[in-house]
Amino acid sequence: LVDLVSLRKIISFVGCGIQMYFFFFFGSSECFLLSMMAYDRFVAIGN
């Protein structure tokens, strides 16, 4: 949103690394959380 209204769309090297780290972290965590939720539904329906 900041870049959409800014003339200079920049990010520092460290800032880029931090953004990439947390993107991978939360994305991977959500993949596994969705699989855990599928198991929860299997138990609720099967047992």
ModelCIF file with pLDDT and N, C-alpha, C, O atoms, coordinates in Angstrom:
data_MODEL
#
_entry.id   MODEL 
#
_entity.id                         1 
_entity.type                       polymer 
_entity.pdbx_number_of_molecules   1 
#
_entity_poly.entity_id                      1 
_entity_poly.type                           'polypeptide(L)' 
_entity_poly.nstd_linkage                   no 
_entity_poly.nstd_monomer                   no 
_entity_poly.pdbx_seq_one_letter_code       LVDLVSLRKIISFVGCGIQMYFFFFFGSSECFLLSMMAYDRFVAIGN 
_entity_poly.pdbx_seq_one_letter_code_can   LVDLVSLRKIISFVGCGIQMYFFFFFGSSECFLLSMMAYDRFVAIGN 
_entity_poly.pdbx_strand_id                 A 
#
loop_
_entity_poly_seq.entity_id 
_entity_poly_seq.num 
_entity_poly_seq.mon_id 
_entity_poly_seq.hetero 
1 1  LEU n 
1 2  VAL n 
1 3  ASP n 
1 4  LEU n 
1 5  VAL n 
1 6  SER n 
1 7  LEU n 
1 8  ARG n 
1 9  LYS n 
1 10 ILE n 
1 11 ILE n 
1 12 SER n 
1 13 PHE n 
1 14 VAL n 
1 15 GLY n 
1 16 CYS n 
1 17 GLY n 
1 18 ILE n 
1 19 GLN n 
1 20 MET n 
1 21 TYR n 
1 22 PHE n 
1 23 PHE n 
1 24 PHE n 
1 25 PHE n 
1 26 PHE n 
1 27 GLY n 
1 28 SER n 
1 29 SER n 
1 30 GLU n 
1 31 CYS n 
1 32 PHE n 
1 33 LEU n 
1 34 LEU n 
1 35 SER n 
1 36 MET n 
1 37 MET n 
1 38 ALA n 
1 39 TYR n 
1 40 ASP n 
1 41 ARG n 
1 42 PHE n 
1 43 VAL n 
1 44 ALA n 
1 45 ILE n 
1 46 GLY n 
1 47 ASN n 
#
_struct_asym.id          A 
_struct_asym.entity_id   1 
#
loop_
_ma_qa_metric.id 
_ma_qa_metric.mode 
_ma_qa_metric.name 
_ma_qa_metric.software_group_id 
_ma_qa_metric.type 
1 global pLDDT . pLDDT 
2 local  pLDDT . pLDDT 
#
_ma_qa_metric_global.metric_id      1 
_ma_qa_metric_global.metric_value   90.89 
_ma_qa_metric_global.model_id       1 
_ma_qa_metric_global.ordinal_id     1 
#
loop_
_ma_qa_metric_local.label_asym_id 
_ma_qa_metric_local.label_comp_id 
_ma_qa_metric_local.label_seq_id 
_ma_qa_metric_local.metric_id 
_ma_qa_metric_local.metric_value 
_ma_qa_metric_local.model_id 
_ma_qa_metric_local.ordinal_id 
A LEU 1  2 91.00 1 1  
A VAL 2  2 91.00 1 2  
A ASP 3  2 90.00 1 3  
A LEU 4  2 89.00 1 4  
A VAL 5  2 91.00 1 5  
A SER 6  2 87.00 1 6  
A LEU 7  2 86.00 1 7  
A ARG 8  2 87.00 1 8  
A LYS 9  2 89.00 1 9  
A ILE 10 2 90.00 1 10 
A ILE 11 2 91.00 1 11 
A SER 12 2 91.00 1 12 
A PHE 13 2 91.00 1 13 
A VAL 14 2 93.00 1 14 
A GLY 15 2 92.00 1 15 
A CYS 16 2 92.00 1 16 
A GLY 17 2 93.00 1 17 
A ILE 18 2 94.00 1 18 
A GLN 19 2 94.00 1 19 
A MET 20 2 92.00 1 20 
A TYR 21 2 94.00 1 21 
A PHE 22 2 94.00 1 22 
A PHE 23 2 91.00 1 23 
A PHE 24 2 90.00 1 24 
A PHE 25 2 93.00 1 25 
A PHE 26 2 92.00 1 26 
A GLY 27 2 88.00 1 27 
A SER 28 2 89.00 1 28 
A SER 29 2 92.00 1 29 
A GLU 30 2 90.00 1 30 
A CYS 31 2 89.00 1 31 
A PHE 32 2 92.00 1 32 
A LEU 33 2 93.00 1 33 
A LEU 34 2 92.00 1 34 
A SER 35 2 93.00 1 35 
A MET 36 2 93.00 1 36 
A MET 37 2 92.00 1 37 
A ALA 38 2 93.00 1 38 
A TYR 39 2 93.00 1 39 
A ASP 40 2 92.00 1 40 
A ARG 41 2 90.00 1 41 
A PHE 42 2 91.00 1 42 
A VAL 43 2 92.00 1 43 
A ALA 44 2 89.00 1 44 
A ILE 45 2 88.00 1 45 
A GLY 46 2 86.00 1 46 
A ASN 47 2 87.00 1 47 
#
loop_
_atom_site.group_PDB 
_atom_site.id 
_atom_site.type_symbol 
_atom_site.label_atom_id 
_atom_site.label_alt_id 
_atom_site.label_comp_id 
_atom_site.label_asym_id 
_atom_site.label_entity_id 
_atom_site.label_seq_id 
_atom_site.pdbx_PDB_ins_code 
_atom_site.Cartn_x 
_atom_site.Cartn_y 
_atom_site.Cartn_z 
_atom_site.occupancy 
_atom_site.B_iso_or_equiv 
_atom_site.pdbx_formal_charge 
_atom_site.auth_seq_id 
_atom_site.auth_comp_id 
_atom_site.auth_asym_id 
_atom_site.auth_atom_id 
_atom_site.pdbx_PDB_model_num 
ATOM 1   N N  . LEU A 1 1  ? 0.824   -1.207  0.000  1.00 91.00 ? 1  LEU A N  1 
ATOM 2   C CA . LEU A 1 1  ? 0.000   0.000   0.000  1.00 91.00 ? 1  LEU A CA 1 
ATOM 3   C C  . LEU A 1 1  ? 0.861   1.262   0.000  1.00 91.00 ? 1  LEU A C  1 
ATOM 4   O O  . LEU A 1 1  ? 0.528   2.253   -0.650 1.00 91.00 ? 1  LEU A O  1 
ATOM 5   N N  . VAL A 1 2  ? 1.977   1.213   0.739  1.00 91.00 ? 2  VAL A N  1 
ATOM 6   C CA . VAL A 1 2  ? 2.898   2.362   0.738  1.00 91.00 ? 2  VAL A CA 1 
ATOM 7   C C  . VAL A 1 2  ? 3.479   2.572   -0.655 1.00 91.00 ? 2  VAL A C  1 
ATOM 8   O O  . VAL A 1 2  ? 3.585   3.707   -1.121 1.00 91.00 ? 2  VAL A O  1 
ATOM 9   N N  . ASP A 1 3  ? 3.857   1.472   -1.328 1.00 90.00 ? 3  ASP A N  1 
ATOM 10  C CA . ASP A 1 3  ? 4.439   1.581   -2.661 1.00 90.00 ? 3  ASP A CA 1 
ATOM 11  C C  . ASP A 1 3  ? 3.442   2.103   -3.691 1.00 90.00 ? 3  ASP A C  1 
ATOM 12  O O  . ASP A 1 3  ? 3.829   2.762   -4.656 1.00 90.00 ? 3  ASP A O  1 
ATOM 13  N N  . LEU A 1 4  ? 2.167   1.810   -3.489 1.00 89.00 ? 4  LEU A N  1 
ATOM 14  C CA . LEU A 1 4  ? 1.147   2.265   -4.436 1.00 89.00 ? 4  LEU A CA 1 
ATOM 15  C C  . LEU A 1 4  ? 1.032   3.792   -4.477 1.00 89.00 ? 4  LEU A C  1 
ATOM 16  O O  . LEU A 1 4  ? 0.655   4.364   -5.500 1.00 89.00 ? 4  LEU A O  1 
ATOM 17  N N  . VAL A 1 5  ? 1.361   4.452   -3.348 1.00 91.00 ? 5  VAL A N  1 
ATOM 18  C CA . VAL A 1 5  ? 1.226   5.907   -3.283 1.00 91.00 ? 5  VAL A CA 1 
ATOM 19  C C  . VAL A 1 5  ? 2.585   6.613   -3.269 1.00 91.00 ? 5  VAL A C  1 
ATOM 20  O O  . VAL A 1 5  ? 2.648   7.836   -3.151 1.00 91.00 ? 5  VAL A O  1 
ATOM 21  N N  . SER A 1 6  ? 3.675   5.841   -3.391 1.00 87.00 ? 6  SER A N  1 
ATOM 22  C CA . SER A 1 6  ? 5.010   6.428   -3.339 1.00 87.00 ? 6  SER A CA 1 
ATOM 23  C C  . SER A 1 6  ? 5.613   6.517   -4.731 1.00 87.00 ? 6  SER A C  1 
ATOM 24  O O  . SER A 1 6  ? 5.369   5.663   -5.583 1.00 87.00 ? 6  SER A O  1 
ATOM 25  N N  . LEU A 1 7  ? 6.401   7.555   -4.951 1.00 86.00 ? 7  LEU A N  1 
ATOM 26  C CA . LEU A 1 7  ? 7.112   7.677   -6.210 1.00 86.00 ? 7  LEU A CA 1 
ATOM 27  C C  . LEU A 1 7  ? 8.317   6.744   -6.242 1.00 86.00 ? 7  LEU A C  1 
ATOM 28  O O  . LEU A 1 7  ? 8.613   6.145   -7.276 1.00 86.00 ? 7  LEU A O  1 
ATOM 29  N N  . ARG A 1 8  ? 9.020   6.618   -5.101 1.00 87.00 ? 8  ARG A N  1 
ATOM 30  C CA . ARG A 1 8  ? 10.178  5.722   -4.999 1.00 87.00 ? 8  ARG A CA 1 
ATOM 31  C C  . ARG A 1 8  ? 9.739   4.456   -4.280 1.00 87.00 ? 8  ARG A C  1 
ATOM 32  O O  . ARG A 1 8  ? 9.466   4.471   -3.080 1.00 87.00 ? 8  ARG A O  1 
ATOM 33  N N  . LYS A 1 9  ? 9.676   3.380   -5.017 1.00 89.00 ? 9  LYS A N  1 
ATOM 34  C CA . LYS A 1 9  ? 9.233   2.099   -4.447 1.00 89.00 ? 9  LYS A CA 1 
ATOM 35  C C  . LYS A 1 9  ? 10.482  1.291   -4.106 1.00 89.00 ? 9  LYS A C  1 
ATOM 36  O O  . LYS A 1 9  ? 10.974  0.518   -4.928 1.00 89.00 ? 9  LYS A O  1 
ATOM 37  N N  . ILE A 1 10 ? 10.986  1.474   -2.897 1.00 90.00 ? 10 ILE A N  1 
ATOM 38  C CA . ILE A 1 10 ? 12.252  0.846   -2.519 1.00 90.00 ? 10 ILE A CA 1 
ATOM 39  C C  . ILE A 1 10 ? 12.076  0.018   -1.244 1.00 90.00 ? 10 ILE A C  1 
ATOM 40  O O  . ILE A 1 10 ? 11.171  0.251   -0.443 1.00 90.00 ? 10 ILE A O  1 
ATOM 41  N N  . ILE A 1 11 ? 12.977  -0.959  -1.089 1.00 91.00 ? 11 ILE A N  1 
ATOM 42  C CA . ILE A 1 11 ? 13.056  -1.747  0.132  1.00 91.00 ? 11 ILE A CA 1 
ATOM 43  C C  . ILE A 1 11 ? 14.529  -2.067  0.351  1.00 91.00 ? 11 ILE A C  1 
ATOM 44  O O  . ILE A 1 11 ? 15.250  -2.348  -0.607 1.00 91.00 ? 11 ILE A O  1 
ATOM 45  N N  . SER A 1 12 ? 14.976  -2.028  1.579  1.00 91.00 ? 12 SER A N  1 
ATOM 46  C CA . SER A 1 12 ? 16.378  -2.299  1.871  1.00 91.00 ? 12 SER A CA 1 
ATOM 47  C C  . SER A 1 12 ? 16.678  -3.785  1.696  1.00 91.00 ? 12 SER A C  1 
ATOM 48  O O  . SER A 1 12 ? 15.767  -4.612  1.644  1.00 91.00 ? 12 SER A O  1 
ATOM 49  N N  . PHE A 1 13 ? 17.971  -4.112  1.607  1.00 91.00 ? 13 PHE A N  1 
ATOM 50  C CA . PHE A 1 13 ? 18.395  -5.508  1.470  1.00 91.00 ? 13 PHE A CA 1 
ATOM 51  C C  . PHE A 1 13 ? 17.953  -6.315  2.684  1.00 91.00 ? 13 PHE A C  1 
ATOM 52  O O  . PHE A 1 13 ? 17.432  -7.422  2.545  1.00 91.00 ? 13 PHE A O  1 
ATOM 53  N N  . VAL A 1 14 ? 18.166  -5.753  3.888  1.00 93.00 ? 14 VAL A N  1 
ATOM 54  C CA . VAL A 1 14 ? 17.757  -6.446  5.117  1.00 93.00 ? 14 VAL A CA 1 
ATOM 55  C C  . VAL A 1 14 ? 16.235  -6.565  5.179  1.00 93.00 ? 14 VAL A C  1 
ATOM 56  O O  . VAL A 1 14 ? 15.698  -7.611  5.546  1.00 93.00 ? 14 VAL A O  1 
ATOM 57  N N  . GLY A 1 15 ? 15.546  -5.476  4.814  1.00 92.00 ? 15 GLY A N  1 
ATOM 58  C CA . GLY A 1 15 ? 14.085  -5.505  4.821  1.00 92.00 ? 15 GLY A CA 1 
ATOM 59  C C  . GLY A 1 15 ? 13.533  -6.542  3.872  1.00 92.00 ? 15 GLY A C  1 
ATOM 60  O O  . GLY A 1 15 ? 12.534  -7.195  4.175  1.00 92.00 ? 15 GLY A O  1 
ATOM 61  N N  . CYS A 1 16 ? 14.174  -6.703  2.717  1.00 92.00 ? 16 CYS A N  1 
ATOM 62  C CA . CYS A 1 16 ? 13.754  -7.712  1.751  1.00 92.00 ? 16 CYS A CA 1 
ATOM 63  C C  . CYS A 1 16 ? 13.921  -9.116  2.331  1.00 92.00 ? 16 CYS A C  1 
ATOM 64  O O  . CYS A 1 16 ? 13.048  -9.970  2.179  1.00 92.00 ? 16 CYS A O  1 
ATOM 65  N N  . GLY A 1 17 ? 15.048  -9.341  2.993  1.00 93.00 ? 17 GLY A N  1 
ATOM 66  C CA . GLY A 1 17 ? 15.290  -10.647 3.611  1.00 93.00 ? 17 GLY A CA 1 
ATOM 67  C C  . GLY A 1 17 ? 14.291  -10.955 4.713  1.00 93.00 ? 17 GLY A C  1 
ATOM 68  O O  . GLY A 1 17 ? 13.816  -12.085 4.829  1.00 93.00 ? 17 GLY A O  1 
ATOM 69  N N  . ILE A 1 18 ? 13.973  -9.952  5.522  1.00 94.00 ? 18 ILE A N  1 
ATOM 70  C CA . ILE A 1 18 ? 13.002  -10.149 6.602  1.00 94.00 ? 18 ILE A CA 1 
ATOM 71  C C  . ILE A 1 18 ? 11.618  -10.458 6.039  1.00 94.00 ? 18 ILE A C  1 
ATOM 72  O O  . ILE A 1 18 ? 10.926  -11.355 6.520  1.00 94.00 ? 18 ILE A O  1 
ATOM 73  N N  . GLN A 1 19 ? 11.228  -9.705  5.017  1.00 94.00 ? 19 GLN A N  1 
ATOM 74  C CA . GLN A 1 19 ? 9.919   -9.945  4.395  1.00 94.00 ? 19 GLN A CA 1 
ATOM 75  C C  . GLN A 1 19 ? 9.850   -11.346 3.799  1.00 94.00 ? 19 GLN A C  1 
ATOM 76  O O  . GLN A 1 19 ? 8.837   -12.032 3.941  1.00 94.00 ? 19 GLN A O  1 
ATOM 77  N N  . MET A 1 20 ? 10.922  -11.776 3.133  1.00 92.00 ? 20 MET A N  1 
ATOM 78  C CA . MET A 1 20 ? 10.954  -13.102 2.531  1.00 92.00 ? 20 MET A CA 1 
ATOM 79  C C  . MET A 1 20 ? 10.876  -14.190 3.597  1.00 92.00 ? 20 MET A C  1 
ATOM 80  O O  . MET A 1 20 ? 10.163  -15.179 3.432  1.00 92.00 ? 20 MET A O  1 
ATOM 81  N N  . TYR A 1 21 ? 11.621  -14.001 4.701  1.00 94.00 ? 21 TYR A N  1 
ATOM 82  C CA . TYR A 1 21 ? 11.624  -15.005 5.773  1.00 94.00 ? 21 TYR A CA 1 
ATOM 83  C C  . TYR A 1 21 ? 10.215  -15.209 6.333  1.00 94.00 ? 21 TYR A C  1 
ATOM 84  O O  . TYR A 1 21 ? 9.747   -16.343 6.439  1.00 94.00 ? 21 TYR A O  1 
ATOM 85  N N  . PHE A 1 22 ? 9.552   -14.129 6.684  1.00 94.00 ? 22 PHE A N  1 
ATOM 86  C CA . PHE A 1 22 ? 8.230   -14.269 7.294  1.00 94.00 ? 22 PHE A CA 1 
ATOM 87  C C  . PHE A 1 22 ? 7.186   -14.732 6.285  1.00 94.00 ? 22 PHE A C  1 
ATOM 88  O O  . PHE A 1 22 ? 6.213   -15.382 6.667  1.00 94.00 ? 22 PHE A O  1 
ATOM 89  N N  . PHE A 1 23 ? 7.367   -14.411 5.009  1.00 91.00 ? 23 PHE A N  1 
ATOM 90  C CA . PHE A 1 23 ? 6.458   -14.924 3.988  1.00 91.00 ? 23 PHE A CA 1 
ATOM 91  C C  . PHE A 1 23 ? 6.551   -16.444 3.915  1.00 91.00 ? 23 PHE A C  1 
ATOM 92  O O  . PHE A 1 23 ? 5.530   -17.133 3.915  1.00 91.00 ? 23 PHE A O  1 
ATOM 93  N N  . PHE A 1 24 ? 7.789   -16.973 3.852  1.00 90.00 ? 24 PHE A N  1 
ATOM 94  C CA . PHE A 1 24 ? 7.974   -18.426 3.832  1.00 90.00 ? 24 PHE A CA 1 
ATOM 95  C C  . PHE A 1 24 ? 7.468   -19.056 5.127  1.00 90.00 ? 24 PHE A C  1 
ATOM 96  O O  . PHE A 1 24 ? 6.845   -20.118 5.107  1.00 90.00 ? 24 PHE A O  1 
ATOM 97  N N  . PHE A 1 25 ? 7.739   -18.396 6.251  1.00 93.00 ? 25 PHE A N  1 
ATOM 98  C CA . PHE A 1 25 ? 7.367   -18.957 7.559  1.00 93.00 ? 25 PHE A CA 1 
ATOM 99  C C  . PHE A 1 25 ? 5.852   -19.116 7.684  1.00 93.00 ? 25 PHE A C  1 
ATOM 100 O O  . PHE A 1 25 ? 5.364   -20.205 7.983  1.00 93.00 ? 25 PHE A O  1 
ATOM 101 N N  . PHE A 1 26 ? 5.114   -18.037 7.456  1.00 92.00 ? 26 PHE A N  1 
ATOM 102 C CA . PHE A 1 26 ? 3.665   -18.103 7.625  1.00 92.00 ? 26 PHE A CA 1 
ATOM 103 C C  . PHE A 1 26 ? 3.009   -18.958 6.537  1.00 92.00 ? 26 PHE A C  1 
ATOM 104 O O  . PHE A 1 26 ? 2.020   -19.642 6.802  1.00 92.00 ? 26 PHE A O  1 
ATOM 105 N N  . GLY A 1 27 ? 3.550   -18.923 5.317  1.00 88.00 ? 27 GLY A N  1 
ATOM 106 C CA . GLY A 1 27 ? 2.987   -19.744 4.252  1.00 88.00 ? 27 GLY A CA 1 
ATOM 107 C C  . GLY A 1 27 ? 3.137   -21.229 4.536  1.00 88.00 ? 27 GLY A C  1 
ATOM 108 O O  . GLY A 1 27 ? 2.188   -21.992 4.362  1.00 88.00 ? 27 GLY A O  1 
ATOM 109 N N  . SER A 1 28 ? 4.336   -21.650 4.978  1.00 89.00 ? 28 SER A N  1 
ATOM 110 C CA . SER A 1 28 ? 4.560   -23.061 5.303  1.00 89.00 ? 28 SER A CA 1 
ATOM 111 C C  . SER A 1 28 ? 3.716   -23.490 6.493  1.00 89.00 ? 28 SER A C  1 
ATOM 112 O O  . SER A 1 28 ? 3.162   -24.590 6.504  1.00 89.00 ? 28 SER A O  1 
ATOM 113 N N  . SER A 1 29 ? 3.619   -22.630 7.489  1.00 92.00 ? 29 SER A N  1 
ATOM 114 C CA . SER A 1 29 ? 2.822   -22.958 8.676  1.00 92.00 ? 29 SER A CA 1 
ATOM 115 C C  . SER A 1 29 ? 1.358   -23.150 8.319  1.00 92.00 ? 29 SER A C  1 
ATOM 116 O O  . SER A 1 29 ? 0.691   -24.030 8.864  1.00 92.00 ? 29 SER A O  1 
ATOM 117 N N  . GLU A 1 30 ? 0.852   -22.322 7.398  1.00 90.00 ? 30 GLU A N  1 
ATOM 118 C CA . GLU A 1 30 ? -0.552  -22.456 7.001  1.00 90.00 ? 30 GLU A CA 1 
ATOM 119 C C  . GLU A 1 30 ? -0.797  -23.760 6.258  1.00 90.00 ? 30 GLU A C  1 
ATOM 120 O O  . GLU A 1 30 ? -1.859  -24.365 6.411  1.00 90.00 ? 30 GLU A O  1 
ATOM 121 N N  . CYS A 1 31 ? 0.167   -24.206 5.453  1.00 89.00 ? 31 CYS A N  1 
ATOM 122 C CA . CYS A 1 31 ? 0.017   -25.490 4.761  1.00 89.00 ? 31 CYS A CA 1 
ATOM 123 C C  . CYS A 1 31 ? -0.215  -26.614 5.762  1.00 89.00 ? 31 CYS A C  1 
ATOM 124 O O  . CYS A 1 31 ? -1.119  -27.432 5.590  1.00 89.00 ? 31 CYS A O  1 
ATOM 125 N N  . PHE A 1 32 ? 0.606   -26.651 6.808  1.00 92.00 ? 32 PHE A N  1 
ATOM 126 C CA . PHE A 1 32 ? 0.474   -27.726 7.791  1.00 92.00 ? 32 PHE A CA 1 
ATOM 127 C C  . PHE A 1 32 ? -0.763  -27.548 8.663  1.00 92.00 ? 32 PHE A C  1 
ATOM 128 O O  . PHE A 1 32 ? -1.383  -28.533 9.064  1.00 92.00 ? 32 PHE A O  1 
ATOM 129 N N  . LEU A 1 33 ? -1.128  -26.308 8.960  1.00 93.00 ? 33 LEU A N  1 
ATOM 130 C CA . LEU A 1 33 ? -2.333  -26.091 9.767  1.00 93.00 ? 33 LEU A CA 1 
ATOM 131 C C  . LEU A 1 33 ? -3.576  -26.565 9.021  1.00 93.00 ? 33 LEU A C  1 
ATOM 132 O O  . LEU A 1 33 ? -4.480  -27.135 9.632  1.00 93.00 ? 33 LEU A O  1 
ATOM 133 N N  . LEU A 1 34 ? -3.632  -26.340 7.718  1.00 92.00 ? 34 LEU A N  1 
ATOM 134 C CA . LEU A 1 34 ? -4.774  -26.804 6.929  1.00 92.00 ? 34 LEU A CA 1 
ATOM 135 C C  . LEU A 1 34 ? -4.853  -28.327 6.917  1.00 92.00 ? 34 LEU A C  1 
ATOM 136 O O  . LEU A 1 34 ? -5.947  -28.891 6.897  1.00 92.00 ? 34 LEU A O  1 
ATOM 137 N N  . SER A 1 35 ? -3.693  -28.998 6.928  1.00 93.00 ? 35 SER A N  1 
ATOM 138 C CA . SER A 1 35 ? -3.712  -30.466 6.976  1.00 93.00 ? 35 SER A CA 1 
ATOM 139 C C  . SER A 1 35 ? -4.174  -30.954 8.342  1.00 93.00 ? 35 SER A C  1 
ATOM 140 O O  . SER A 1 35 ? -4.872  -31.964 8.431  1.00 93.00 ? 35 SER A O  1 
ATOM 141 N N  . MET A 1 36 ? -3.796  -30.254 9.404  1.00 93.00 ? 36 MET A N  1 
ATOM 142 C CA . MET A 1 36 ? -4.272  -30.615 10.745 1.00 93.00 ? 36 MET A CA 1 
ATOM 143 C C  . MET A 1 36 ? -5.787  -30.424 10.856 1.00 93.00 ? 36 MET A C  1 
ATOM 144 O O  . MET A 1 36 ? -6.471  -31.212 11.509 1.00 93.00 ? 36 MET A O  1 
ATOM 145 N N  . MET A 1 37 ? -6.298  -29.386 10.221 1.00 92.00 ? 37 MET A N  1 
ATOM 146 C CA . MET A 1 37 ? -7.740  -29.142 10.243 1.00 92.00 ? 37 MET A CA 1 
ATOM 147 C C  . MET A 1 37 ? -8.484  -30.233 9.475  1.00 92.00 ? 37 MET A C  1 
ATOM 148 O O  . MET A 1 37 ? -9.606  -30.592 9.836  1.00 92.00 ? 37 MET A O  1 
ATOM 149 N N  . ALA A 1 38 ? -7.862  -30.765 8.413  1.00 93.00 ? 38 ALA A N  1 
ATOM 150 C CA . ALA A 1 38 ? -8.480  -31.873 7.673  1.00 93.00 ? 38 ALA A CA 1 
ATOM 151 C C  . ALA A 1 38 ? -8.561  -33.115 8.551  1.00 93.00 ? 38 ALA A C  1 
ATOM 152 O O  . ALA A 1 38 ? -9.568  -33.823 8.528  1.00 93.00 ? 38 ALA A O  1 
ATOM 153 N N  . TYR A 1 39 ? -7.522  -33.384 9.319  1.00 93.00 ? 39 TYR A N  1 
ATOM 154 C CA . TYR A 1 39 ? -7.551  -34.531 10.227 1.00 93.00 ? 39 TYR A CA 1 
ATOM 155 C C  . TYR A 1 39 ? -8.634  -34.351 11.288 1.00 93.00 ? 39 TYR A C  1 
ATOM 156 O O  . TYR A 1 39 ? -9.318  -35.306 11.653 1.00 93.00 ? 39 TYR A O  1 
ATOM 157 N N  . ASP A 1 40 ? -8.785  -33.122 11.778 1.00 92.00 ? 40 ASP A N  1 
ATOM 158 C CA . ASP A 1 40 ? -9.827  -32.826 12.768 1.00 92.00 ? 40 ASP A CA 1 
ATOM 159 C C  . ASP A 1 40 ? -11.213 -33.145 12.197 1.00 92.00 ? 40 ASP A C  1 
ATOM 160 O O  . ASP A 1 40 ? -12.061 -33.689 12.904 1.00 92.00 ? 40 ASP A O  1 
ATOM 161 N N  . ARG A 1 41 ? -11.443 -32.818 10.944 1.00 90.00 ? 41 ARG A N  1 
ATOM 162 C CA . ARG A 1 41 ? -12.734 -33.109 10.329 1.00 90.00 ? 41 ARG A CA 1 
ATOM 163 C C  . ARG A 1 41 ? -12.943 -34.603 10.110 1.00 90.00 ? 41 ARG A C  1 
ATOM 164 O O  . ARG A 1 41 ? -14.061 -35.104 10.220 1.00 90.00 ? 41 ARG A O  1 
ATOM 165 N N  . PHE A 1 42 ? -11.851 -35.314 9.797  1.00 91.00 ? 42 PHE A N  1 
ATOM 166 C CA . PHE A 1 42 ? -11.965 -36.767 9.654  1.00 91.00 ? 42 PHE A CA 1 
ATOM 167 C C  . PHE A 1 42 ? -12.368 -37.421 10.977 1.00 91.00 ? 42 PHE A C  1 
ATOM 168 O O  . PHE A 1 42 ? -13.223 -38.307 11.004 1.00 91.00 ? 42 PHE A O  1 
ATOM 169 N N  . VAL A 1 43 ? -11.749 -36.979 12.071 1.00 92.00 ? 43 VAL A N  1 
ATOM 170 C CA . VAL A 1 43 ? -12.093 -37.543 13.381 1.00 92.00 ? 43 VAL A CA 1 
ATOM 171 C C  . VAL A 1 43 ? -13.537 -37.210 13.738 1.00 92.00 ? 43 VAL A C  1 
ATOM 172 O O  . VAL A 1 43 ? -14.261 -38.054 14.267 1.00 92.00 ? 43 VAL A O  1 
ATOM 173 N N  . ALA A 1 44 ? -13.957 -35.970 13.446 1.00 89.00 ? 44 ALA A N  1 
ATOM 174 C CA . ALA A 1 44 ? -15.324 -35.553 13.780 1.00 89.00 ? 44 ALA A CA 1 
ATOM 175 C C  . ALA A 1 44 ? -16.367 -36.366 13.026 1.00 89.00 ? 44 ALA A C  1 
ATOM 176 O O  . ALA A 1 44 ? -17.440 -36.645 13.560 1.00 89.00 ? 44 ALA A O  1 
ATOM 177 N N  . ILE A 1 45 ? -16.060 -36.748 11.783 1.00 88.00 ? 45 ILE A N  1 
ATOM 178 C CA . ILE A 1 45 ? -17.023 -37.492 10.963 1.00 88.00 ? 45 ILE A CA 1 
ATOM 179 C C  . ILE A 1 45 ? -16.859 -39.000 11.126 1.00 88.00 ? 45 ILE A C  1 
ATOM 180 O O  . ILE A 1 45 ? -17.848 -39.731 11.180 1.00 88.00 ? 45 ILE A O  1 
ATOM 181 N N  . GLY A 1 46 ? -15.614 -39.467 11.203 1.00 86.00 ? 46 GLY A N  1 
ATOM 182 C CA . GLY A 1 46 ? -15.367 -40.902 11.292 1.00 86.00 ? 46 GLY A CA 1 
ATOM 183 C C  . GLY A 1 46 ? -15.513 -41.486 12.687 1.00 86.00 ? 46 GLY A C  1 
ATOM 184 O O  . GLY A 1 46 ? -15.892 -42.648 12.836 1.00 86.00 ? 46 GLY A O  1 
ATOM 185 N N  . ASN A 1 47 ? -15.214 -40.687 13.719 1.00 87.00 ? 47 ASN A N  1 
ATOM 186 C CA . ASN A 1 47 ? -15.315 -41.162 15.103 1.00 87.00 ? 47 ASN A CA 1 
ATOM 187 C C  . ASN A 1 47 ? -16.010 -40.115 15.970 1.00 87.00 ? 47 ASN A C  1 
ATOM 188 O O  . ASN A 1 47 ? -16.191 -40.328 17.169 1.00 87.00 ? 47 ASN A O  1 
#
